[in-house]
PDB file of all heavy atoms in Angstrom:
ATOM      1  N   ALA A   1       6.792   5.279   2.658  1.00  0.00           N
ATOM      2  CA  ALA A   1       8.068   4.655   2.325  1.00  0.00           C
ATOM      3  C   ALA A   1       8.456   3.714   3.450  1.00  0.00           C
ATOM      4  O   ALA A   1       8.999   2.602   3.224  1.00  0.00           O
ATOM      5  CB  ALA A   1       9.174   5.729   2.110  1.00  0.00           C
ATOM      6  N   TRP A   2       8.211   4.103   4.718  1.00  0.00           N
ATOM      7  CA  TRP A   2       8.514   3.285   5.850  1.00  0.00           C
ATOM      8  C   TRP A   2       7.604   2.046   5.849  1.00  0.00           C
ATOM      9  O   TRP A   2       8.012   0.918   6.110  1.00  0.00           O
ATOM     10  CB  TRP A   2       8.319   4.103   7.141  1.00  0.00           C
ATOM     11  CG  TRP A   2       8.779   3.342   8.386  1.00  0.00           C
ATOM     12  CD1 TRP A   2      10.037   3.367   8.904  1.00  0.00           C
ATOM     13  CD2 TRP A   2       7.965   2.606   9.243  1.00  0.00           C
ATOM     14  NE1 TRP A   2      10.082   2.581  10.034  1.00  0.00           N
ATOM     15  CE2 TRP A   2       8.814   2.074  10.294  1.00  0.00           C
ATOM     16  CE3 TRP A   2       6.616   2.211   9.277  1.00  0.00           C
ATOM     17  CZ2 TRP A   2       8.368   1.268  11.299  1.00  0.00           C
ATOM     18  CZ3 TRP A   2       6.197   1.404  10.311  1.00  0.00           C
ATOM     19  CH2 TRP A   2       7.004   0.948  11.287  1.00  0.00           C
ATOM     20  N   VAL A   3       6.288   2.289   5.558  1.00  0.00           N
ATOM     21  CA  VAL A   3       5.338   1.129   5.451  1.00  0.00           C
ATOM     22  C   VAL A   3       5.834   0.130   4.419  1.00  0.00           C
ATOM     23  O   VAL A   3       5.811  -1.074   4.681  1.00  0.00           O
ATOM     24  CB  VAL A   3       3.928   1.656   5.120  1.00  0.00           C
ATOM     25  CG1 VAL A   3       2.999   0.481   4.751  1.00  0.00           C
ATOM     26  CG2 VAL A   3       3.367   2.430   6.305  1.00  0.00           C
ATOM     27  N   TYR A   4       6.219   0.650   3.247  1.00  0.00           N
ATOM     28  CA  TYR A   4       6.640  -0.248   2.174  1.00  0.00           C
ATOM     29  C   TYR A   4       7.880  -1.070   2.620  1.00  0.00           C
ATOM     30  O   TYR A   4       7.972  -2.268   2.367  1.00  0.00           O
ATOM     31  CB  TYR A   4       7.024   0.598   0.938  1.00  0.00           C
ATOM     32  CG  TYR A   4       7.466  -0.204  -0.244  1.00  0.00           C
ATOM     33  CD1 TYR A   4       6.546  -0.782  -1.099  1.00  0.00           C
ATOM     34  CD2 TYR A   4       8.842  -0.389  -0.529  1.00  0.00           C
ATOM     35  CE1 TYR A   4       6.920  -1.530  -2.225  1.00  0.00           C
ATOM     36  CE2 TYR A   4       9.238  -1.127  -1.614  1.00  0.00           C
ATOM     37  CZ  TYR A   4       8.280  -1.700  -2.438  1.00  0.00           C
ATOM     38  OH  TYR A   4       8.686  -2.458  -3.510  1.00  0.00           O
ATOM     39  N   GLY A   5       8.793  -0.441   3.345  1.00  0.00           N
ATOM     40  CA  GLY A   5       9.954  -1.095   3.818  1.00  0.00           C
ATOM     41  C   GLY A   5       9.653  -2.198   4.825  1.00  0.00           C
ATOM     42  O   GLY A   5      10.183  -3.298   4.761  1.00  0.00           O
ATOM     43  N   VAL A   6       8.746  -1.925   5.759  1.00  0.00           N
ATOM     44  CA  VAL A   6       8.337  -2.915   6.739  1.00  0.00           C
ATOM     45  C   VAL A   6       7.668  -4.110   6.077  1.00  0.00           C
ATOM     46  O   VAL A   6       8.029  -5.270   6.383  1.00  0.00           O
ATOM     47  CB  VAL A   6       7.367  -2.281   7.777  1.00  0.00           C
ATOM     48  CG1 VAL A   6       6.760  -3.351   8.666  1.00  0.00           C
ATOM     49  CG2 VAL A   6       8.127  -1.285   8.643  1.00  0.00           C
ATOM     50  N   ILE A   7       6.718  -3.847   5.191  1.00  0.00           N
ATOM     51  CA  ILE A   7       5.938  -4.957   4.566  1.00  0.00           C
ATOM     52  C   ILE A   7       6.860  -5.781   3.646  1.00  0.00           C
ATOM     53  O   ILE A   7       6.813  -7.036   3.696  1.00  0.00           O
ATOM     54  CB  ILE A   7       4.796  -4.385   3.745  1.00  0.00           C
ATOM     55  CG1 ILE A   7       3.859  -3.567   4.635  1.00  0.00           C
ATOM     56  CG2 ILE A   7       4.034  -5.554   3.084  1.00  0.00           C
ATOM     57  CD1 ILE A   7       3.305  -4.289   5.803  1.00  0.00           C
ATOM     58  N   THR A   8       7.723  -5.166   2.845  1.00  0.00           N
ATOM     59  CA  THR A   8       8.582  -5.958   1.972  1.00  0.00           C
ATOM     60  C   THR A   8       9.640  -6.698   2.764  1.00  0.00           C
ATOM     61  O   THR A   8      10.060  -7.776   2.369  1.00  0.00           O
ATOM     62  CB  THR A   8       9.305  -5.024   0.971  1.00  0.00           C
ATOM     63  OG1 THR A   8       9.984  -3.954   1.649  1.00  0.00           O
ATOM     64  CG2 THR A   8       8.277  -4.451  -0.003  1.00  0.00           C
ATOM     65  N   ASN A   9      10.087  -6.176   3.943  1.00  0.00           N
ATOM     66  CA  ASN A   9      11.008  -6.921   4.777  1.00  0.00           C
ATOM     67  C   ASN A   9      10.372  -8.158   5.399  1.00  0.00           C
ATOM     68  O   ASN A   9      11.053  -9.061   5.853  1.00  0.00           O
ATOM     69  CB  ASN A   9      11.552  -6.011   5.913  1.00  0.00           C
ATOM     70  CG  ASN A   9      12.657  -5.091   5.415  1.00  0.00           C
ATOM     71  OD1 ASN A   9      13.224  -5.292   4.305  1.00  0.00           O
ATOM     72  ND2 ASN A   9      12.898  -4.012   6.190  1.00  0.00           N
ATOM     73  N   HIS A  10       9.021  -8.155   5.415  1.00  0.00           N
ATOM     74  CA  HIS A  10       8.304  -9.307   5.913  1.00  0.00           C
ATOM     75  C   HIS A  10       7.988 -10.299   4.727  1.00  0.00           C
ATOM     76  O   HIS A  10       7.218 -11.257   4.892  1.00  0.00           O
ATOM     77  CB  HIS A  10       6.980  -8.885   6.573  1.00  0.00           C
ATOM     78  CG  HIS A  10       7.137  -8.415   7.984  1.00  0.00           C
ATOM     79  ND1 HIS A  10       7.674  -7.139   8.283  1.00  0.00           N
ATOM     80  CD2 HIS A  10       6.825  -9.025   9.169  1.00  0.00           C
ATOM     81  CE1 HIS A  10       7.691  -7.011   9.606  1.00  0.00           C
ATOM     82  NE2 HIS A  10       7.211  -8.125  10.164  1.00  0.00           N
ATOM     83  N   GLY A  11       8.477  -9.979   3.526  1.00  0.00           N
ATOM     84  CA  GLY A  11       8.222 -10.830   2.407  1.00  0.00           C
ATOM     85  C   GLY A  11       6.925 -10.559   1.701  1.00  0.00           C
ATOM     86  O   GLY A  11       6.456 -11.351   0.885  1.00  0.00           O
ATOM     87  N   GLY A  12       6.275  -9.410   2.057  1.00  0.00           N
ATOM     88  CA  GLY A  12       4.996  -9.110   1.467  1.00  0.00           C
ATOM     89  C   GLY A  12       5.053  -7.989   0.449  1.00  0.00           C
ATOM     90  O   GLY A  12       6.091  -7.641  -0.033  1.00  0.00           O
ATOM     91  N   GLY A  13       3.870  -7.402   0.175  1.00  0.00           N
ATOM     92  CA  GLY A  13       3.780  -6.289  -0.775  1.00  0.00           C
ATOM     93  C   GLY A  13       2.628  -5.388  -0.427  1.00  0.00           C
ATOM     94  O   GLY A  13       1.696  -5.739   0.348  1.00  0.00           O
ATOM     95  N   VAL A  14       2.660  -4.194  -0.974  1.00  0.00           N
ATOM     96  CA  VAL A  14       1.621  -3.146  -0.733  1.00  0.00           C
ATOM     97  C   VAL A  14       1.113  -2.659  -2.098  1.00  0.00           C
ATOM     98  O   VAL A  14       1.876  -2.227  -2.969  1.00  0.00           O
ATOM     99  CB  VAL A  14       2.148  -1.955   0.050  1.00  0.00           C
ATOM    100  CG1 VAL A  14       1.025  -1.010   0.417  1.00  0.00           C
ATOM    101  CG2 VAL A  14       2.904  -2.384   1.274  1.00  0.00           C
ATOM    102  N   ALA A  15      -0.213  -2.771  -2.318  1.00  0.00           N
ATOM    103  CA  ALA A  15      -0.859  -2.291  -3.537  1.00  0.00           C
ATOM    104  C   ALA A  15      -1.802  -1.137  -3.155  1.00  0.00           C
ATOM    105  O   ALA A  15      -2.544  -1.264  -2.168  1.00  0.00           O
ATOM    106  CB  ALA A  15      -1.576  -3.415  -4.218  1.00  0.00           C
ATOM    107  N   VAL A  16      -1.765  -0.092  -3.956  1.00  0.00           N
ATOM    108  CA  VAL A  16      -2.657   1.058  -3.732  1.00  0.00           C
ATOM    109  C   VAL A  16      -3.427   1.424  -4.987  1.00  0.00           C
ATOM    110  O   VAL A  16      -2.835   1.535  -6.065  1.00  0.00           O
ATOM    111  CB  VAL A  16      -1.827   2.297  -3.253  1.00  0.00           C
ATOM    112  CG1 VAL A  16      -2.791   3.482  -2.975  1.00  0.00           C
ATOM    113  CG2 VAL A  16      -1.026   1.973  -2.014  1.00  0.00           C
ATOM    114  N   SER A  17      -4.715   1.576  -4.817  1.00  0.00           N
ATOM    115  CA  SER A  17      -5.552   2.050  -5.936  1.00  0.00           C
ATOM    116  C   SER A  17      -6.386   3.224  -5.420  1.00  0.00           C
ATOM    117  O   SER A  17      -6.760   3.274  -4.254  1.00  0.00           O
ATOM    118  CB  SER A  17      -6.475   0.936  -6.432  1.00  0.00           C
ATOM    119  OG  SER A  17      -7.259   0.392  -5.419  1.00  0.00           O
ATOM    120  N   SER A  18      -6.568   4.209  -6.302  1.00  0.00           N
ATOM    121  CA  SER A  18      -7.252   5.434  -5.857  1.00  0.00           C
ATOM    122  C   SER A  18      -7.834   6.135  -7.094  1.00  0.00           C
ATOM    123  O   SER A  18      -7.296   6.102  -8.187  1.00  0.00           O
ATOM    124  CB  SER A  18      -6.292   6.316  -5.093  1.00  0.00           C
ATOM    125  OG  SER A  18      -6.955   7.478  -4.657  1.00  0.00           O
ATOM    126  N   GLN A  19      -8.923   6.917  -6.835  1.00  0.00           N
ATOM    127  CA  GLN A  19      -9.523   7.773  -7.824  1.00  0.00           C
ATOM    128  C   GLN A  19      -9.831   9.105  -7.136  1.00  0.00           C
ATOM    129  O   GLN A  19     -10.432   9.123  -6.041  1.00  0.00           O
ATOM    130  CB  GLN A  19     -10.794   7.170  -8.398  1.00  0.00           C
ATOM    131  CG  GLN A  19     -10.589   5.965  -9.285  1.00  0.00           C
ATOM    132  CD  GLN A  19     -11.848   5.477  -9.939  1.00  0.00           C
ATOM    133  OE1 GLN A  19     -12.952   5.979  -9.623  1.00  0.00           O
ATOM    134  NE2 GLN A  19     -11.743   4.516 -10.836  1.00  0.00           N
ATOM    135  N   PRO A  20      -9.448  10.207  -7.740  1.00  0.00           N
ATOM    136  CA  PRO A  20      -9.772  11.523  -7.153  1.00  0.00           C
ATOM    137  C   PRO A  20     -11.203  11.676  -6.864  1.00  0.00           C
ATOM    138  O   PRO A  20     -12.058  11.386  -7.734  1.00  0.00           O
ATOM    139  CB  PRO A  20      -9.297  12.491  -8.228  1.00  0.00           C
ATOM    140  CG  PRO A  20      -8.217  11.778  -8.996  1.00  0.00           C
ATOM    141  CD  PRO A  20      -8.659  10.354  -9.000  1.00  0.00           C
ATOM    142  N   GLY A  21     -11.528  12.009  -5.649  1.00  0.00           N
ATOM    143  CA  GLY A  21     -12.950  12.228  -5.251  1.00  0.00           C
ATOM    144  C   GLY A  21     -13.676  10.984  -4.880  1.00  0.00           C
ATOM    145  O   GLY A  21     -14.827  11.011  -4.437  1.00  0.00           O
ATOM    146  N   ALA A  22     -13.066   9.800  -5.092  1.00  0.00           N
ATOM    147  CA  ALA A  22     -13.780   8.543  -4.830  1.00  0.00           C
ATOM    148  C   ALA A  22     -13.089   7.677  -3.782  1.00  0.00           C
ATOM    149  O   ALA A  22     -13.562   6.572  -3.512  1.00  0.00           O
ATOM    150  CB  ALA A  22     -13.933   7.742  -6.141  1.00  0.00           C
ATOM    151  N   GLY A  23     -11.995   8.135  -3.227  1.00  0.00           N
ATOM    152  CA  GLY A  23     -11.331   7.373  -2.122  1.00  0.00           C
ATOM    153  C   GLY A  23     -10.131   6.615  -2.529  1.00  0.00           C
ATOM    154  O   GLY A  23      -9.747   6.562  -3.712  1.00  0.00           O
ATOM    155  N   THR A  24      -9.533   5.931  -1.554  1.00  0.00           N
ATOM    156  CA  THR A  24      -8.303   5.201  -1.737  1.00  0.00           C
ATOM    157  C   THR A  24      -8.392   3.835  -1.046  1.00  0.00           C
ATOM    158  O   THR A  24      -9.001   3.734   0.009  1.00  0.00           O
ATOM    159  CB  THR A  24      -7.114   5.967  -1.140  1.00  0.00           C
ATOM    160  OG1 THR A  24      -7.030   7.248  -1.830  1.00  0.00           O
ATOM    161  CG2 THR A  24      -5.784   5.219  -1.319  1.00  0.00           C
ATOM    162  N   SER A  25      -7.801   2.837  -1.628  1.00  0.00           N
ATOM    163  CA  SER A  25      -7.687   1.507  -1.035  1.00  0.00           C
ATOM    164  C   SER A  25      -6.248   1.063  -0.980  1.00  0.00           C
ATOM    165  O   SER A  25      -5.546   1.100  -2.007  1.00  0.00           O
ATOM    166  CB  SER A  25      -8.519   0.481  -1.835  1.00  0.00           C
ATOM    167  OG  SER A  25      -8.297  -0.855  -1.378  1.00  0.00           O
ATOM    168  N   VAL A  26      -5.784   0.670   0.240  1.00  0.00           N
ATOM    169  CA  VAL A  26      -4.441   0.174   0.410  1.00  0.00           C
ATOM    170  C   VAL A  26      -4.569  -1.307   0.822  1.00  0.00           C
ATOM    171  O   VAL A  26      -5.245  -1.646   1.799  1.00  0.00           O
ATOM    172  CB  VAL A  26      -3.690   0.949   1.538  1.00  0.00           C
ATOM    173  CG1 VAL A  26      -2.266   0.386   1.724  1.00  0.00           C
ATOM    174  CG2 VAL A  26      -3.624   2.428   1.173  1.00  0.00           C
ATOM    175  N   ARG A  27      -3.885  -2.140   0.050  1.00  0.00           N
ATOM    176  CA  ARG A  27      -3.974  -3.603   0.297  1.00  0.00           C
ATOM    177  C   ARG A  27      -2.581  -4.099   0.668  1.00  0.00           C
ATOM    178  O   ARG A  27      -1.639  -3.986  -0.163  1.00  0.00           O
ATOM    179  CB  ARG A  27      -4.528  -4.347  -0.911  1.00  0.00           C
ATOM    180  CG  ARG A  27      -5.973  -3.969  -1.208  1.00  0.00           C
ATOM    181  CD  ARG A  27      -6.528  -4.605  -2.472  1.00  0.00           C
ATOM    182  NE  ARG A  27      -5.784  -4.128  -3.683  1.00  0.00           N
ATOM    183  CZ  ARG A  27      -5.998  -2.948  -4.266  1.00  0.00           C
ATOM    184  NH1 ARG A  27      -6.857  -2.087  -3.703  1.00  0.00           N
ATOM    185  NH2 ARG A  27      -5.311  -2.574  -5.287  1.00  0.00           N
ATOM    186  N   VAL A  28      -2.500  -4.659   1.841  1.00  0.00           N
ATOM    187  CA  VAL A  28      -1.220  -5.265   2.355  1.00  0.00           C
ATOM    188  C   VAL A  28      -1.331  -6.752   2.244  1.00  0.00           C
ATOM    189  O   VAL A  28      -2.266  -7.368   2.767  1.00  0.00           O
ATOM    190  CB  VAL A  28      -0.976  -4.838   3.811  1.00  0.00           C
ATOM    191  CG1 VAL A  28       0.224  -5.596   4.386  1.00  0.00           C
ATOM    192  CG2 VAL A  28      -0.739  -3.346   3.921  1.00  0.00           C
TER     193      VAL A  28
END
């Protein structure tokens, strides 16, 4: 939630994709 606030306050966005057992990708 804090990460989301920081990035959006900079005019950006955060996208997250994930699959159980296959890992997670966070794109700022």
